[in-house]
């Protein structure tokens, strides 16, 4: 099993468990893994949404900044 398979498994598990904290973390990991690709903004947006839900200011600011640099916000 490679890194993307493991991360996908973790994301699915976190969705099943409705674990917003881990979803924000895993989607940010995925964004980092796919940095520079067309998938990066999608994963950043997912992390941003779950961070907003949690009120995780640090991750909100980080993902917002990255999305802004990609002209997605």
PDB file of N, CA and C in Angstrom:
ATOM      1  N   UNK A   1       0.849  -1.178   0.000  1.00  0.00           N
ATOM      2  CA  UNK A   1       0.000   0.000   0.000  1.00  0.00           C
ATOM      3  C   UNK A   1       0.895   1.242   0.000  1.00  0.00           C
ATOM      4  N   UNK A   2       0.613   2.177  -0.918  1.00  0.00           N
ATOM      5  CA  UNK A   2       1.433   3.382  -0.978  1.00  0.00           C
ATOM      6  C   UNK A   2       0.813   4.506  -0.143  1.00  0.00           C
ATOM      7  N   UNK A   3       1.506   5.618  -0.107  1.00  0.00           N
ATOM      8  CA  UNK A   3       1.087   6.749   0.732  1.00  0.00           C
ATOM      9  C   UNK A   3      -0.298   7.256   0.359  1.00  0.00           C
ATOM     10  N   UNK A   4      -0.585   7.389  -0.919  1.00  0.00           N
ATOM     11  CA  UNK A   4      -1.903   7.893  -1.322  1.00  0.00           C
ATOM     12  C   UNK A   4      -3.008   6.911  -0.971  1.00  0.00           C
ATOM     13  N   UNK A   5      -2.739   5.615  -1.078  1.00  0.00           N
ATOM     14  CA  UNK A   5      -3.735   4.614  -0.673  1.00  0.00           C
ATOM     15  C   UNK A   5      -4.018   4.706   0.819  1.00  0.00           C
ATOM     16  N   UNK A   6      -2.968   4.855   1.602  1.00  0.00           N
ATOM     17  CA  UNK A   6      -3.114   4.962   3.058  1.00  0.00           C
ATOM     18  C   UNK A   6      -3.883   6.224   3.429  1.00  0.00           C
ATOM     19  N   UNK A   7      -3.553   7.329   2.785  1.00  0.00           N
ATOM     20  CA  UNK A   7      -4.235   8.589   3.061  1.00  0.00           C
ATOM     21  C   UNK A   7      -5.708   8.503   2.656  1.00  0.00           C
ATOM     22  N   UNK A   8      -5.985   7.900   1.516  1.00  0.00           N
ATOM     23  CA  UNK A   8      -7.366   7.708   1.079  1.00  0.00           C
ATOM     24  C   UNK A   8      -8.142   6.883   2.098  1.00  0.00           C
ATOM     25  N   UNK A   9      -7.517   5.836   2.597  1.00  0.00           N
ATOM     26  CA  UNK A   9      -8.137   4.988   3.617  1.00  0.00           C
ATOM     27  C   UNK A   9      -8.433   5.804   4.885  1.00  0.00           C
ATOM     28  N   UNK A  10      -7.499   6.645   5.279  1.00  0.00           N
ATOM     29  CA  UNK A  10      -7.689   7.488   6.469  1.00  0.00           C
ATOM     30  C   UNK A  10      -8.825   8.495   6.263  1.00  0.00           C
ATOM     31  N   UNK A  11      -8.914   9.061   5.071  1.00  0.00           N
ATOM     32  CA  UNK A  11      -9.984  10.025   4.777  1.00  0.00           C
ATOM     33  C   UNK A  11     -11.344   9.330   4.840  1.00  0.00           C
ATOM     34  N   UNK A  12     -11.442   8.180   4.223  1.00  0.00           N
ATOM     35  CA  UNK A  12     -12.707   7.434   4.244  1.00  0.00           C
ATOM     36  C   UNK A  12     -13.096   7.078   5.676  1.00  0.00           C
ATOM     37  N   UNK A  13     -12.137   6.602   6.456  1.00  0.00           N
ATOM     38  CA  UNK A  13     -12.401   6.243   7.850  1.00  0.00           C
ATOM     39  C   UNK A  13     -12.877   7.464   8.637  1.00  0.00           C
ATOM     40  N   UNK A  14     -12.257   8.606   8.398  1.00  0.00           N
ATOM     41  CA  UNK A  14     -12.647   9.824   9.113  1.00  0.00           C
ATOM     42  C   UNK A  14     -14.049  10.279   8.706  1.00  0.00           C
ATOM     43  N   UNK A  15     -14.402  10.104   7.444  1.00  0.00           N
ATOM     44  CA  UNK A  15     -15.772  10.417   7.007  1.00  0.00           C
ATOM     45  C   UNK A  15     -16.769   9.486   7.688  1.00  0.00           C
ATOM     46  N   UNK A  16     -16.466   8.216   7.718  1.00  0.00           N
ATOM     47  CA  UNK A  16     -17.353   7.239   8.359  1.00  0.00           C
ATOM     48  C   UNK A  16     -17.566   7.593   9.828  1.00  0.00           C
ATOM     49  N   UNK A  17     -16.499   8.041  10.485  1.00  0.00           N
ATOM     50  CA  UNK A  17     -16.566   8.387  11.910  1.00  0.00           C
ATOM     51  C   UNK A  17     -17.007   9.828  12.156  1.00  0.00           C
ATOM     52  N   UNK A  18     -17.285  10.567  11.095  1.00  0.00           N
ATOM     53  CA  UNK A  18     -17.663  11.987  11.210  1.00  0.00           C
ATOM     54  C   UNK A  18     -16.655  12.764  12.062  1.00  0.00           C
ATOM     55  N   UNK A  19     -15.385  12.494  11.827  1.00  0.00           N
ATOM     56  CA  UNK A  19     -14.298  13.106  12.590  1.00  0.00           C
ATOM     57  C   UNK A  19     -13.741  14.309  11.831  1.00  0.00           C
ATOM     58  N   UNK A  20     -14.352  15.463  12.056  1.00  0.00           N
ATOM     59  CA  UNK A  20     -13.977  16.682  11.332  1.00  0.00           C
ATOM     60  C   UNK A  20     -12.530  17.084  11.566  1.00  0.00           C
ATOM     61  N   UNK A  21     -12.042  16.874  12.768  1.00  0.00           N
ATOM     62  CA  UNK A  21     -10.660  17.242  13.079  1.00  0.00           C
ATOM     63  C   UNK A  21      -9.684  16.453  12.207  1.00  0.00           C
ATOM     64  N   UNK A  22      -9.903  15.163  12.117  1.00  0.00           N
ATOM     65  CA  UNK A  22      -9.015  14.334  11.304  1.00  0.00           C
ATOM     66  C   UNK A  22      -9.221  14.589   9.813  1.00  0.00           C
ATOM     67  N   UNK A  23     -10.451  14.913   9.419  1.00  0.00           N
ATOM     68  CA  UNK A  23     -10.698  15.235   8.017  1.00  0.00           C
ATOM     69  C   UNK A  23      -9.926  16.485   7.607  1.00  0.00           C
ATOM     70  N   UNK A  24      -9.955  17.513   8.446  1.00  0.00           N
ATOM     71  CA  UNK A  24      -9.195  18.731   8.150  1.00  0.00           C
ATOM     72  C   UNK A  24      -7.716  18.402   8.020  1.00  0.00           C
ATOM     73  N   UNK A  25      -7.218  17.573   8.913  1.00  0.00           N
ATOM     74  CA  UNK A  25      -5.799  17.182   8.906  1.00  0.00           C
ATOM     75  C   UNK A  25      -5.459  16.361   7.662  1.00  0.00           C
ATOM     76  N   UNK A  26      -6.264  15.348   7.370  1.00  0.00           N
ATOM     77  CA  UNK A  26      -5.970  14.463   6.243  1.00  0.00           C
ATOM     78  C   UNK A  26      -6.090  15.186   4.905  1.00  0.00           C
ATOM     79  N   UNK A  27      -7.094  16.061   4.777  1.00  0.00           N
ATOM     80  CA  UNK A  27      -7.214  16.800   3.519  1.00  0.00           C
ATOM     81  C   UNK A  27      -6.042  17.760   3.337  1.00  0.00           C
ATOM     82  N   UNK A  28      -5.540  18.322   4.413  1.00  0.00           N
ATOM     83  CA  UNK A  28      -4.358  19.177   4.304  1.00  0.00           C
ATOM     84  C   UNK A  28      -3.139  18.341   3.914  1.00  0.00           C
ATOM     85  N   UNK A  29      -3.023  17.155   4.467  1.00  0.00           N
ATOM     86  CA  UNK A  29      -1.938  16.245   4.073  1.00  0.00           C
ATOM     87  C   UNK A  29      -2.031  15.923   2.583  1.00  0.00           C
ATOM     88  N   UNK A  30      -3.248  15.683   2.116  1.00  0.00           N
ATOM     89  CA  UNK A  30      -3.442  15.381   0.691  1.00  0.00           C
ATOM     90  C   UNK A  30      -3.062  16.590  -0.169  1.00  0.00           C
ATOM     91  N   UNK A  31      -3.443  17.788   0.275  1.00  0.00           N
ATOM     92  CA  UNK A  31      -3.077  19.007  -0.465  1.00  0.00           C
ATOM     93  C   UNK A  31      -1.563  19.138  -0.553  1.00  0.00           C
ATOM     94  N   UNK A  32      -0.877  18.813   0.534  1.00  0.00           N
ATOM     95  CA  UNK A  32       0.585  18.875   0.531  1.00  0.00           C
ATOM     96  C   UNK A  32       1.174  17.818  -0.407  1.00  0.00           C
ATOM     97  N   UNK A  33       0.576  16.659  -0.408  1.00  0.00           N
ATOM     98  CA  UNK A  33       1.042  15.569  -1.258  1.00  0.00           C
ATOM     99  C   UNK A  33       0.859  15.911  -2.741  1.00  0.00           C
ATOM    100  N   UNK A  34      -0.216  16.640  -3.053  1.00  0.00           N
ATOM    101  CA  UNK A  34      -0.527  16.977  -4.441  1.00  0.00           C
ATOM    102  C   UNK A  34      -0.207  18.438  -4.769  1.00  0.00           C
ATOM    103  N   UNK A  35       0.672  19.045  -3.993  1.00  0.00           N
ATOM    104  CA  UNK A  35       1.025  20.449  -4.205  1.00  0.00           C
ATOM    105  C   UNK A  35       1.506  20.659  -5.643  1.00  0.00           C
ATOM    106  N   UNK A  36       0.955  21.706  -6.269  1.00  0.00           N
ATOM    107  CA  UNK A  36       1.328  22.026  -7.638  1.00  0.00           C
ATOM    108  C   UNK A  36       0.492  21.323  -8.692  1.00  0.00           C
ATOM    109  N   UNK A  37      -0.412  20.455  -8.264  1.00  0.00           N
ATOM    110  CA  UNK A  37      -1.265  19.737  -9.218  1.00  0.00           C
ATOM    111  C   UNK A  37      -2.671  20.336  -9.202  1.00  0.00           C
ATOM    112  N   UNK A  38      -3.495  19.876 -10.119  1.00  0.00           N
ATOM    113  CA  UNK A  38      -4.872  20.381 -10.160  1.00  0.00           C
ATOM    114  C   UNK A  38      -5.703  19.888  -8.970  1.00  0.00           C
ATOM    115  N   UNK A  39      -5.236  18.874  -8.277  1.00  0.00           N
ATOM    116  CA  UNK A  39      -5.945  18.358  -7.115  1.00  0.00           C
ATOM    117  C   UNK A  39      -5.726  19.194  -5.855  1.00  0.00           C
ATOM    118  N   UNK A  40      -4.634  19.927  -5.797  1.00  0.00           N
ATOM    119  CA  UNK A  40      -4.295  20.685  -4.586  1.00  0.00           C
ATOM    120  C   UNK A  40      -5.418  21.598  -4.109  1.00  0.00           C
ATOM    121  N   UNK A  41      -6.011  22.438  -4.968  1.00  0.00           N
ATOM    122  CA  UNK A  41      -7.076  23.328  -4.484  1.00  0.00           C
ATOM    123  C   UNK A  41      -8.288  22.581  -3.930  1.00  0.00           C
ATOM    124  N   UNK A  42      -8.632  21.447  -4.527  1.00  0.00           N
ATOM    125  CA  UNK A  42      -9.744  20.655  -4.014  1.00  0.00           C
ATOM    126  C   UNK A  42      -9.482  20.220  -2.578  1.00  0.00           C
ATOM    127  N   UNK A  43      -8.320  19.649  -2.347  1.00  0.00           N
ATOM    128  CA  UNK A  43      -8.002  19.167  -1.008  1.00  0.00           C
ATOM    129  C   UNK A  43      -7.882  20.318  -0.016  1.00  0.00           C
ATOM    130  N   UNK A  44      -7.324  21.438  -0.440  1.00  0.00           N
ATOM    131  CA  UNK A  44      -7.252  22.616   0.434  1.00  0.00           C
ATOM    132  C   UNK A  44      -8.648  23.108   0.801  1.00  0.00           C
ATOM    133  N   UNK A  45      -9.538  23.123  -0.172  1.00  0.00           N
ATOM    134  CA  UNK A  45     -10.902  23.571   0.093  1.00  0.00           C
ATOM    135  C   UNK A  45     -11.587  22.661   1.099  1.00  0.00           C
ATOM    136  N   UNK A  46     -11.394  21.372   0.959  1.00  0.00           N
ATOM    137  CA  UNK A  46     -11.990  20.435   1.915  1.00  0.00           C
ATOM    138  C   UNK A  46     -11.436  20.668   3.316  1.00  0.00           C
ATOM    139  N   UNK A  47     -10.139  20.839   3.418  1.00  0.00           N
ATOM    140  CA  UNK A  47      -9.524  21.119   4.720  1.00  0.00           C
ATOM    141  C   UNK A  47     -10.059  22.423   5.299  1.00  0.00           C
ATOM    142  N   UNK A  48     -10.198  23.422   4.449  1.00  0.00           N
ATOM    143  CA  UNK A  48     -10.712  24.734   4.871  1.00  0.00           C
ATOM    144  C   UNK A  48     -12.128  24.605   5.429  1.00  0.00           C
ATOM    145  N   UNK A  49     -12.987  23.875   4.735  1.00  0.00           N
ATOM    146  CA  UNK A  49     -14.377  23.703   5.174  1.00  0.00           C
ATOM    147  C   UNK A  49     -14.440  23.012   6.542  1.00  0.00           C
ATOM    148  N   UNK A  50     -13.698  21.940   6.705  1.00  0.00           N
ATOM    149  CA  UNK A  50     -13.722  21.236   7.987  1.00  0.00           C
ATOM    150  C   UNK A  50     -13.075  22.066   9.095  1.00  0.00           C
ATOM    151  N   UNK A  51     -12.079  22.858   8.762  1.00  0.00           N
ATOM    152  CA  UNK A  51     -11.454  23.753   9.746  1.00  0.00           C
ATOM    153  C   UNK A  51     -12.434  24.829  10.198  1.00  0.00           C
ATOM    154  N   UNK A  52     -13.208  25.361   9.248  1.00  0.00           N
ATOM    155  CA  UNK A  52     -14.235  26.339   9.609  1.00  0.00           C
ATOM    156  C   UNK A  52     -15.266  25.722  10.546  1.00  0.00           C
ATOM    157  N   UNK A  53     -15.649  24.499  10.240  1.00  0.00           N
ATOM    158  CA  UNK A  53     -16.616  23.782  11.077  1.00  0.00           C
ATOM    159  C   UNK A  53     -16.101  23.630  12.504  1.00  0.00           C
ATOM    160  N   UNK A  54     -14.808  23.386  12.622  1.00  0.00           N
ATOM    161  CA  UNK A  54     -14.188  23.182  13.935  1.00  0.00           C
ATOM    162  C   UNK A  54     -13.842  24.490  14.642  1.00  0.00           C
ATOM    163  N   UNK A  55     -13.680  25.551  13.869  1.00  0.00           N
ATOM    164  CA  UNK A  55     -13.195  26.802  14.444  1.00  0.00           C
ATOM    165  C   UNK A  55     -11.697  26.758  14.703  1.00  0.00           C
ATOM    166  N   UNK A  56     -10.977  25.958  13.913  1.00  0.00           N
ATOM    167  CA  UNK A  56      -9.526  25.796  14.044  1.00  0.00           C
ATOM    168  C   UNK A  56      -8.835  26.959  13.323  1.00  0.00           C
ATOM    169  N   UNK A  57      -8.604  28.043  14.047  1.00  0.00           N
ATOM    170  CA  UNK A  57      -8.105  29.283  13.457  1.00  0.00           C
ATOM    171  C   UNK A  57      -6.777  29.101  12.723  1.00  0.00           C
ATOM    172  N   UNK A  58      -5.885  28.330  13.282  1.00  0.00           N
ATOM    173  CA  UNK A  58      -4.570  28.128  12.663  1.00  0.00           C
ATOM    174  C   UNK A  58      -4.712  27.494  11.275  1.00  0.00           C
ATOM    175  N   UNK A  59      -5.491  26.433  11.183  1.00  0.00           N
ATOM    176  CA  UNK A  59      -5.666  25.761   9.897  1.00  0.00           C
ATOM    177  C   UNK A  59      -6.499  26.613   8.944  1.00  0.00           C
ATOM    178  N   UNK A  60      -7.484  27.329   9.476  1.00  0.00           N
ATOM    179  CA  UNK A  60      -8.282  28.237   8.647  1.00  0.00           C
ATOM    180  C   UNK A  60      -7.368  29.253   7.965  1.00  0.00           C
ATOM    181  N   UNK A  61      -6.516  29.889   8.737  1.00  0.00           N
ATOM    182  CA  UNK A  61      -5.620  30.905   8.187  1.00  0.00           C
ATOM    183  C   UNK A  61      -4.645  30.306   7.177  1.00  0.00           C
ATOM    184  N   UNK A  62      -4.118  29.141   7.503  1.00  0.00           N
ATOM    185  CA  UNK A  62      -3.153  28.485   6.615  1.00  0.00           C
ATOM    186  C   UNK A  62      -3.795  28.107   5.280  1.00  0.00           C
ATOM    187  N   UNK A  63      -4.937  27.436   5.332  1.00  0.00           N
ATOM    188  CA  UNK A  63      -5.578  26.999   4.094  1.00  0.00           C
ATOM    189  C   UNK A  63      -6.103  28.196   3.301  1.00  0.00           C
ATOM    190  N   UNK A  64      -6.624  29.206   3.988  1.00  0.00           N
ATOM    191  CA  UNK A  64      -7.090  30.413   3.300  1.00  0.00           C
ATOM    192  C   UNK A  64      -5.941  31.062   2.537  1.00  0.00           C
ATOM    193  N   UNK A  65      -4.806  31.185   3.191  1.00  0.00           N
ATOM    194  CA  UNK A  65      -3.632  31.797   2.569  1.00  0.00           C
ATOM    195  C   UNK A  65      -3.206  31.026   1.316  1.00  0.00           C
ATOM    196  N   UNK A  66      -3.179  29.717   1.414  1.00  0.00           N
ATOM    197  CA  UNK A  66      -2.782  28.906   0.256  1.00  0.00           C
ATOM    198  C   UNK A  66      -3.801  28.998  -0.871  1.00  0.00           C
ATOM    199  N   UNK A  67      -5.078  28.988  -0.523  1.00  0.00           N
ATOM    200  CA  UNK A  67      -6.116  29.114  -1.547  1.00  0.00           C
ATOM    201  C   UNK A  67      -6.054  30.483  -2.214  1.00  0.00           C
ATOM    202  N   UNK A  68      -5.751  31.516  -1.437  1.00  0.00           N
ATOM    203  CA  UNK A  68      -5.632  32.869  -1.979  1.00  0.00           C
ATOM    204  C   UNK A  68      -4.479  32.927  -2.989  1.00  0.00           C
ATOM    205  N   UNK A  69      -3.350  32.307  -2.647  1.00  0.00           N
ATOM    206  CA  UNK A  69      -2.203  32.287  -3.557  1.00  0.00           C
ATOM    207  C   UNK A  69      -2.516  31.548  -4.867  1.00  0.00           C
ATOM    208  N   UNK A  70      -3.448  30.601  -4.779  1.00  0.00           N
ATOM    209  CA  UNK A  70      -3.850  29.852  -5.971  1.00  0.00           C
ATOM    210  C   UNK A  70      -5.016  30.508  -6.695  1.00  0.00           C
ATOM    211  N   UNK A  71      -5.390  31.724  -6.238  1.00  0.00           N
ATOM    212  CA  UNK A  71      -6.517  32.473  -6.804  1.00  0.00           C
ATOM    213  C   UNK A  71      -7.824  31.692  -6.741  1.00  0.00           C
ATOM    214  N   UNK A  72      -8.035  30.991  -5.641  1.00  0.00           N
ATOM    215  CA  UNK A  72      -9.258  30.220  -5.437  1.00  0.00           C
ATOM    216  C   UNK A  72     -10.187  30.882  -4.434  1.00  0.00           C
ATOM    217  N   UNK A  73      -9.713  31.935  -3.797  1.00  0.00           N
ATOM    218  CA  UNK A  73     -10.539  32.727  -2.868  1.00  0.00           C
ATOM    219  C   UNK A  73     -10.325  34.178  -3.224  1.00  0.00           C
TER     220      UNK A  73
END
